[in-house]
Protein backbone atom coordinates (compact mmCIF):
# COMPACT_ATOMS: atom_id res chain seq x y z
CA MET A 1 -0.04 -0.14 -0.10
CA ARG A 2 1.10 3.45 -0.69
CA VAL A 3 2.04 6.28 2.12
CA ALA A 4 -0.22 8.51 0.42
CA ALA A 5 -2.93 5.91 0.93
CA VAL A 6 -2.73 4.58 4.23
CA ILE A 7 -2.07 8.44 5.53
CA ALA A 8 -5.43 8.93 4.06
CA VAL A 9 -6.98 6.04 6.09
CA LEU A 10 -5.09 7.36 8.96
CA ALA A 11 -6.58 10.70 8.30
CA SER A 12 -10.22 9.50 8.15
CA THR A 13 -10.14 6.71 10.77
CA GLY A 14 -9.30 8.49 14.12
CA TRP A 15 -6.39 10.88 13.72
CA ALA A 16 -8.79 13.74 14.90
CA GLN A 17 -8.25 12.16 18.91
CA PHE A 18 -4.83 12.81 19.09
CA LYS A 19 -3.26 15.01 21.55
CA SER A 20 0.28 15.98 21.89
CA THR A 21 3.43 18.94 23.70
CA VAL A 22 5.30 19.08 20.50
CA PRO A 23 6.34 22.99 20.22
CA LEU A 24 7.41 22.06 17.14
CA VAL A 25 7.52 19.77 14.18
CA VAL A 26 11.35 18.65 13.74
CA ALA A 27 12.45 17.69 9.54
CA PRO A 28 15.70 15.84 9.80
CA THR A 29 16.75 17.02 5.75
CA THR A 30 19.46 15.07 3.58
CA ILE A 31 20.17 17.26 0.75
CA THR A 32 22.13 15.45 -2.05
CA ASP A 33 23.64 16.55 -5.81
CA SER A 34 22.79 15.15 -9.53
CA LYS A 35 25.03 12.43 -8.44
CA GLY A 36 23.96 11.27 -4.62
CA HIS A 37 26.92 13.26 -2.82
CA TYR A 38 25.68 15.13 0.31
CA VAL A 39 26.16 18.89 0.11
CA ASP A 40 27.49 20.71 3.60
CA GLY A 41 27.09 24.02 4.42
CA LEU A 42 23.88 25.60 3.64
CA THR A 43 22.06 28.16 5.89
CA PRO A 44 18.47 28.71 6.51
CA GLU A 45 18.40 31.05 3.91
CA ASP A 46 19.61 28.74 1.41
CA LEU A 47 16.01 26.25 2.21
CA ILE A 48 12.72 26.98 2.46
CA LEU A 49 10.15 24.62 3.93
CA TYR A 50 6.96 24.33 2.85
CA ASP A 51 3.85 22.99 4.97
CA ASN A 52 1.00 22.27 2.67
CA SER A 53 2.46 24.52 -0.21
CA VAL A 54 3.19 27.72 2.45
CA PRO A 55 6.93 28.74 3.22
CA GLN A 56 7.22 28.50 6.87
CA THR A 57 9.99 30.06 9.06
CA ILE A 58 12.37 27.75 9.90
CA GLN A 59 15.03 26.57 12.33
CA MET A 60 18.45 24.80 11.65
CA ASP A 61 20.30 23.23 14.62
CA TRP A 62 23.77 24.15 14.33
CA MET A 63 24.94 21.61 17.44
CA MET A 64 25.70 17.51 16.92
CA TYR A 65 22.84 16.87 19.38
CA PRO A 66 23.90 13.14 20.85
CA ILE A 67 22.08 10.38 19.35
CA ASP A 68 19.65 7.61 21.52
CA LEU A 69 19.34 4.95 19.40
CA VAL A 70 17.21 1.86 19.88
CA VAL A 71 17.88 -1.06 16.96
CA ALA A 72 14.59 -3.27 17.02
CA VAL A 73 15.37 -6.91 15.57
CA GLU A 74 12.78 -9.45 14.49
CA THR A 75 13.48 -12.71 16.39
CA GLY A 76 10.37 -15.01 14.94
CA GLU A 77 10.53 -17.76 12.88
CA ASN A 78 11.82 -15.89 9.71
CA ALA A 79 14.33 -14.38 11.04
CA GLY A 80 17.16 -17.01 11.34
CA ALA A 81 19.41 -16.28 8.64
CA MET A 82 19.27 -13.14 9.46
CA ILE A 83 19.86 -13.69 12.71
CA ASP A 84 23.26 -15.30 11.95
CA LYS A 85 24.55 -11.74 9.93
CA LEU A 86 24.05 -9.10 13.01
CA GLY A 87 26.98 -10.94 15.45
CA GLY A 88 29.78 -8.76 14.78
CA SER A 89 27.73 -5.74 13.94
CA GLY A 90 27.81 -3.81 17.31
CA ILE A 91 30.75 -1.37 16.99
CA LEU A 92 28.77 -0.23 13.73
CA PHE A 93 26.01 0.89 15.68
CA THR A 94 27.79 2.24 18.15
CA GLN A 95 30.13 3.75 16.58
CA LEU A 96 29.04 4.64 13.20
CA LEU A 97 25.52 5.20 13.97
CA ALA A 98 25.25 6.63 17.51
CA ALA A 99 28.87 7.95 17.29
CA GLU A 100 30.51 10.26 19.71
CA ALA A 101 28.20 10.17 23.20
CA GLY A 102 25.68 8.76 21.82
CA GLU A 103 24.09 5.23 23.38
CA THR A 104 22.35 2.20 22.05
CA ALA A 105 19.61 -0.02 22.96
CA LEU A 106 18.76 -3.64 21.96
CA ILE A 107 15.97 -5.35 21.67
CA THR A 108 13.96 -8.02 19.87
CA PHE A 109 10.70 -9.11 18.94
CA SER A 110 8.57 -12.20 17.92
CA ASP A 111 5.15 -13.07 19.59
CA GLY A 112 6.37 -10.82 22.48
CA VAL A 113 9.25 -7.98 22.96
CA LYS A 114 12.02 -8.51 25.19
CA LEU A 115 15.09 -6.03 26.10
CA HIS A 116 18.68 -7.58 25.71
CA GLN A 117 20.88 -4.50 26.28
CA ASP A 118 19.83 -0.82 27.65
CA PHE A 119 21.02 1.82 26.51
CA THR A 120 25.14 1.90 26.29
CA GLY A 121 28.34 3.46 24.27
CA ASP A 122 30.17 0.52 24.78
CA PRO A 123 30.28 -1.59 21.67
CA ASP A 124 31.28 -5.25 23.13
CA LYS A 125 28.19 -5.38 25.52
CA LEU A 126 26.25 -4.33 22.12
CA SER A 127 28.23 -6.90 20.20
CA HIS A 128 27.79 -9.79 23.19
CA ALA A 129 24.40 -9.37 23.07
CA LEU A 130 23.74 -9.72 19.29
CA ARG A 131 25.73 -13.15 19.31
CA MET A 132 23.44 -14.14 21.87
CA LEU A 133 20.35 -13.78 19.90
CA ARG A 134 18.44 -16.98 18.74
CA LYS A 135 15.22 -17.33 17.06
CA GLU A 136 12.20 -17.59 19.33
CA GLY A 137 8.23 -17.65 18.61
CA GLY A 138 6.60 -17.26 15.36
CA GLU A 139 5.17 -14.04 15.03
CA ALA A 140 6.16 -10.68 13.88
CA ASN A 141 5.02 -8.00 16.63
CA ILE A 142 6.32 -5.01 14.42
CA LEU A 143 4.31 -2.13 15.99
CA ASP A 144 4.45 -3.58 19.25
CA ALA A 145 8.46 -3.08 19.09
CA LEU A 146 7.90 0.33 17.66
CA ALA A 147 5.62 1.28 20.85
CA GLN A 148 8.48 0.09 23.28
CA ALA A 149 11.35 1.61 21.34
CA LEU A 150 9.90 4.89 21.76
CA GLY A 151 9.00 3.87 25.03
CA MET A 152 12.61 4.11 25.81
CA LEU A 153 13.22 6.65 23.85
CA GLU A 154 10.72 8.91 26.31
CA HIS A 155 12.46 8.50 29.30
CA ARG A 156 15.78 9.30 27.52
CA PRO A 157 17.41 12.66 29.12
CA PRO A 158 16.51 15.44 26.65
CA GLY A 159 18.46 17.27 24.05
CA ARG A 160 19.19 14.30 22.41
CA ARG A 161 18.20 13.44 18.75
CA ARG A 162 15.55 10.12 19.03
CA ILE A 163 16.15 7.02 16.17
CA VAL A 164 14.86 4.08 15.99
CA LEU A 165 16.63 1.16 13.93
CA MET A 166 14.08 -1.44 12.56
CA ILE A 167 15.62 -4.69 11.42
CA ALA A 168 12.27 -6.47 10.32
CA GLU A 169 9.95 -7.53 7.81
CA LYS A 170 7.45 -5.20 6.35
CA ARG A 171 4.26 -5.83 7.92
CA ASP A 172 2.96 -6.52 11.26
CA ARG A 173 1.68 -9.98 12.14
CA ALA A 174 -0.11 -10.04 15.71
CA SER A 175 0.88 -6.77 17.67
CA LYS A 176 -1.36 -5.09 20.48
CA ALA A 177 -0.59 -1.79 20.09
CA THR A 178 -2.20 0.15 16.94
CA LEU A 179 -0.90 1.94 14.19
CA VAL A 180 -2.84 5.25 15.07
CA GLU A 181 -1.44 5.00 19.01
CA VAL A 182 2.16 4.07 17.47
CA MET A 183 2.15 6.57 14.97
CA GLU A 184 0.98 9.31 17.16
CA ARG A 185 3.53 8.79 19.53
CA THR A 186 6.37 8.59 16.95
CA GLN A 187 5.62 12.10 15.99
CA ARG A 188 5.18 13.43 19.39
CA LEU A 189 8.90 11.62 20.19
CA ASN A 190 10.10 13.89 16.48
CA ALA A 191 11.29 10.39 16.48
CA ALA A 192 12.99 9.35 12.89
CA VAL A 193 12.17 5.80 12.03
CA TYR A 194 14.97 3.66 9.58
CA TRP A 195 14.54 0.30 8.32
CA LEU A 196 16.32 -2.64 7.15
CA THR A 197 14.54 -5.28 5.43
CA TYR A 198 14.79 -8.38 3.94
CA SER A 199 13.38 -11.56 1.85
CA ALA A 200 12.27 -14.13 3.93
CA MET A 201 12.78 -16.77 1.48
CA LEU A 202 15.99 -16.32 0.36
CA GLU A 203 17.79 -14.93 3.51
CA PRO A 204 18.34 -19.07 4.47
CA PHE A 205 20.70 -19.37 0.86
CA THR A 206 22.96 -16.65 2.19
CA VAL A 207 24.74 -18.39 5.05
CA ARG A 208 27.28 -20.72 5.80
CA ARG A 209 25.57 -23.91 6.48
CA LYS A 210 26.14 -24.52 10.11
CA THR A 211 27.38 -27.66 12.26
CA LYS A 212 26.82 -29.06 15.23
CA GLU A 213 29.46 -26.99 16.78
CA ASP A 214 27.31 -24.20 15.62
CA LEU A 215 24.85 -25.21 17.67
CA LYS A 216 26.41 -24.98 21.09
CA PRO A 217 26.04 -22.57 23.89
CA ILE A 218 28.92 -19.97 22.63
CA ASP A 219 30.97 -20.85 26.40
CA GLU A 220 31.05 -24.64 24.56
CA ARG A 221 31.87 -24.23 20.96
CA ILE A 222 35.58 -25.95 19.78
CA LYS A 223 37.39 -23.22 17.73
CA ILE A 224 40.11 -25.12 16.93
CA ALA A 225 41.87 -28.26 18.69
CA LYS A 226 44.70 -27.01 21.49
CA CYS A 227 46.40 -30.20 20.72
CA ALA A 228 46.64 -33.47 19.23
CA TRP A 229 44.40 -35.31 21.39
CA CYS A 230 42.41 -32.98 22.82
CA PRO A 231 38.97 -32.95 21.69
CA LYS A 232 38.06 -31.41 17.87
CA PRO A 233 35.24 -29.06 16.58
CA ASP A 234 32.23 -31.47 15.81
CA ASP A 235 32.00 -30.28 11.84
CA THR A 236 29.06 -32.71 11.28
CA PRO A 237 26.23 -30.50 8.89
CA VAL A 238 22.98 -29.69 10.10
CA PRO A 239 20.02 -28.97 8.00
CA ALA A 240 19.81 -25.79 6.86
CA ASP A 241 17.32 -23.94 8.59
CA LEU A 242 14.85 -22.66 5.51
CA GLY A 243 11.66 -20.84 7.69
CA PRO A 244 8.62 -21.89 8.26
CA GLY A 245 8.53 -22.83 4.19
CA GLY A 246 5.76 -24.43 2.49
CA PHE A 247 2.55 -23.45 0.61
CA ILE A 248 0.22 -22.32 3.52
CA TYR A 249 2.56 -20.20 4.63
CA ALA A 250 3.32 -18.73 1.14
CA ILE A 251 -0.99 -18.44 0.97
CA GLY A 252 -0.80 -16.65 4.71
CA GLU A 253 1.93 -13.96 3.22
CA LEU A 254 -0.10 -13.59 0.12
CA ALA A 255 -3.23 -12.33 2.23
CA ARG A 256 -0.94 -10.06 4.40
CA MET A 257 0.01 -7.94 1.53
CA HIS A 258 -3.45 -5.82 2.00
CA LEU A 259 -1.64 -4.79 5.30
CA PRO A 260 -0.11 -1.52 5.12
CA ASP A 261 3.71 -1.87 4.37
CA LEU A 262 5.26 -0.58 7.25
CA SER A 263 8.82 -0.07 6.67
CA GLU A 264 7.66 2.30 4.04
CA LEU A 265 5.45 4.28 6.01
CA PHE A 266 7.21 4.97 9.62
CA PRO A 267 10.32 5.81 7.52
CA LYS A 268 8.76 8.42 4.86
CA THR A 269 6.32 10.03 7.31
CA THR A 270 9.63 10.65 10.14
CA GLY A 271 12.40 11.37 7.79
CA GLY A 272 13.64 8.33 8.08
CA ARG A 273 15.09 5.60 5.29
CA THR A 274 13.97 2.05 4.24
CA LEU A 275 17.43 -0.02 2.47
CA SER A 276 16.82 -3.51 2.25
CA PHE A 277 19.92 -6.88 2.37
CA LEU A 278 20.47 -10.06 1.46
CA LYS A 279 24.15 -11.02 2.71
CA LYS A 280 25.85 -9.89 5.41
CA ASN A 281 27.77 -7.30 3.52
CA GLY A 282 25.07 -5.79 2.64
CA LEU A 283 23.63 -5.36 6.12
CA GLU A 284 26.55 -3.83 7.39
CA GLN A 285 26.18 -1.57 4.13
CA ALA A 286 23.38 -0.59 4.94
CA ILE A 287 24.12 0.41 8.21
CA GLN A 288 26.91 2.10 7.49
CA LEU A 289 24.53 4.55 5.08
CA VAL A 290 21.82 5.17 7.78
CA GLY A 291 25.20 6.43 9.81
CA GLU A 292 26.23 8.64 7.02
CA GLU A 293 23.05 10.03 6.46
CA VAL A 294 22.17 10.69 10.44
CA HIS A 295 25.58 12.84 10.50
CA ARG A 296 25.01 14.26 7.45
CA GLN A 297 21.77 16.20 8.01
CA TYR A 298 20.39 19.48 8.02
CA ILE A 299 18.19 19.37 11.59
CA LEU A 300 15.07 22.10 10.35
CA SER A 301 12.41 22.87 12.82
CA PHE A 302 9.18 25.40 12.53
CA GLU A 303 6.32 26.15 14.50
CA PRO A 304 2.86 24.67 13.03
CA LYS A 305 0.18 27.52 12.23
CA GLY A 306 -2.54 25.31 13.35
CA GLY A 307 -5.25 24.12 11.08
CA GLU A 308 -7.90 21.12 11.41
CA PRO A 309 -6.79 18.59 14.06
CA GLY A 310 -6.57 15.13 12.73
CA LYS A 311 -5.92 16.85 9.07
CA PHE A 312 -2.25 15.68 7.55
CA HIS A 313 0.28 18.56 6.10
CA ALA A 314 2.17 17.42 3.56
CA ILE A 315 6.18 19.60 3.85
CA ARG A 316 8.71 19.67 1.65
CA VAL A 317 12.16 21.02 1.06
CA VAL A 318 13.66 23.01 -1.61
CA VAL A 319 16.97 24.94 -2.18
CA LYS A 320 16.41 28.00 -3.39
CA GLY A 321 17.98 28.79 -6.85
CA GLN A 322 19.82 25.12 -6.99
CA PRO A 323 17.16 23.24 -8.50
CA GLU A 324 19.48 19.98 -9.33
CA LEU A 325 20.08 19.68 -5.38
CA GLN A 326 17.74 17.55 -4.14
CA ALA A 327 16.23 17.54 -0.67
CA LYS A 328 14.37 14.61 1.36
CA THR A 329 12.71 15.38 4.20
CA ARG A 330 9.83 13.41 6.33
CA GLU A 331 6.75 13.57 4.36
CA GLY A 332 4.44 15.59 6.84
CA TYR A 333 2.34 15.41 9.82
CA TRP A 334 -0.91 15.23 11.70
CA VAL A 335 -2.44 18.11 12.74
CA VAL A 336 -3.37 17.81 16.82
CA PRO A 337 -4.91 19.94 19.02
């Protein structure tokens, strides 16, 4: 479902009930040239932000706010091969994305949501938590995970950027939280959502086949025999983890195609970005691309001039006199009482 269509549905089914204390609309904005290179050094006078086609008086934050990042990883039945790729990625999250003075937390979700690592700037702690992840549960309660991530960000100190990085499929399965309430909370916190998504059908064919040694607890694995008579690693291969698969599963996936594509909706409405990956190096490159974008953005904000509660306002940014430069920002916001 296209983002515009989802916006129309939301606007007509309950957005008027929202209440918010956000005094400003924050619009992280990425400026690139015709070759996709980031453009630095622009000032507020170089940019025009339109709210429903009306130019706004904008502020631009010059200081680099520390980042609070919540990484939310799907661990349901579709996620086994993807989890295998995450083990060594802790330093990428802490150093490239959260960066200096930033802190990262890790949660996982399937049938429920679990906290694996609270906010930390230590890449070793995050890497250990990532290596300990295992497939569990059968669902993908994406909205519940987003709701918990936002709740964690809400209690962080003020004056920090709030970012959620989802590593998940595109559509929710069985969340108790609703799309309306999670979108409202995202807007109220001015949080940006980035999404790394993957093909559950193709992922199992992109990882090394596991052995019995791989299935042992980490502290019991033998990496290499320490002497001629010492135990050797058990290299007996085990059946590949192909996920749920099957005809019935495929029919169920087709039936879910009418549900909103959350991997498109949340990034576009919050100024984030959606990237897909297949192999481990693709995942690492995607994390690097997100980190690069986050640290090259212009943080624009403006005071909305009111409007009818529940109505969606589209926003866009252009660079004055330089039509060859492209500006990407959040698609808009909902007017709240």
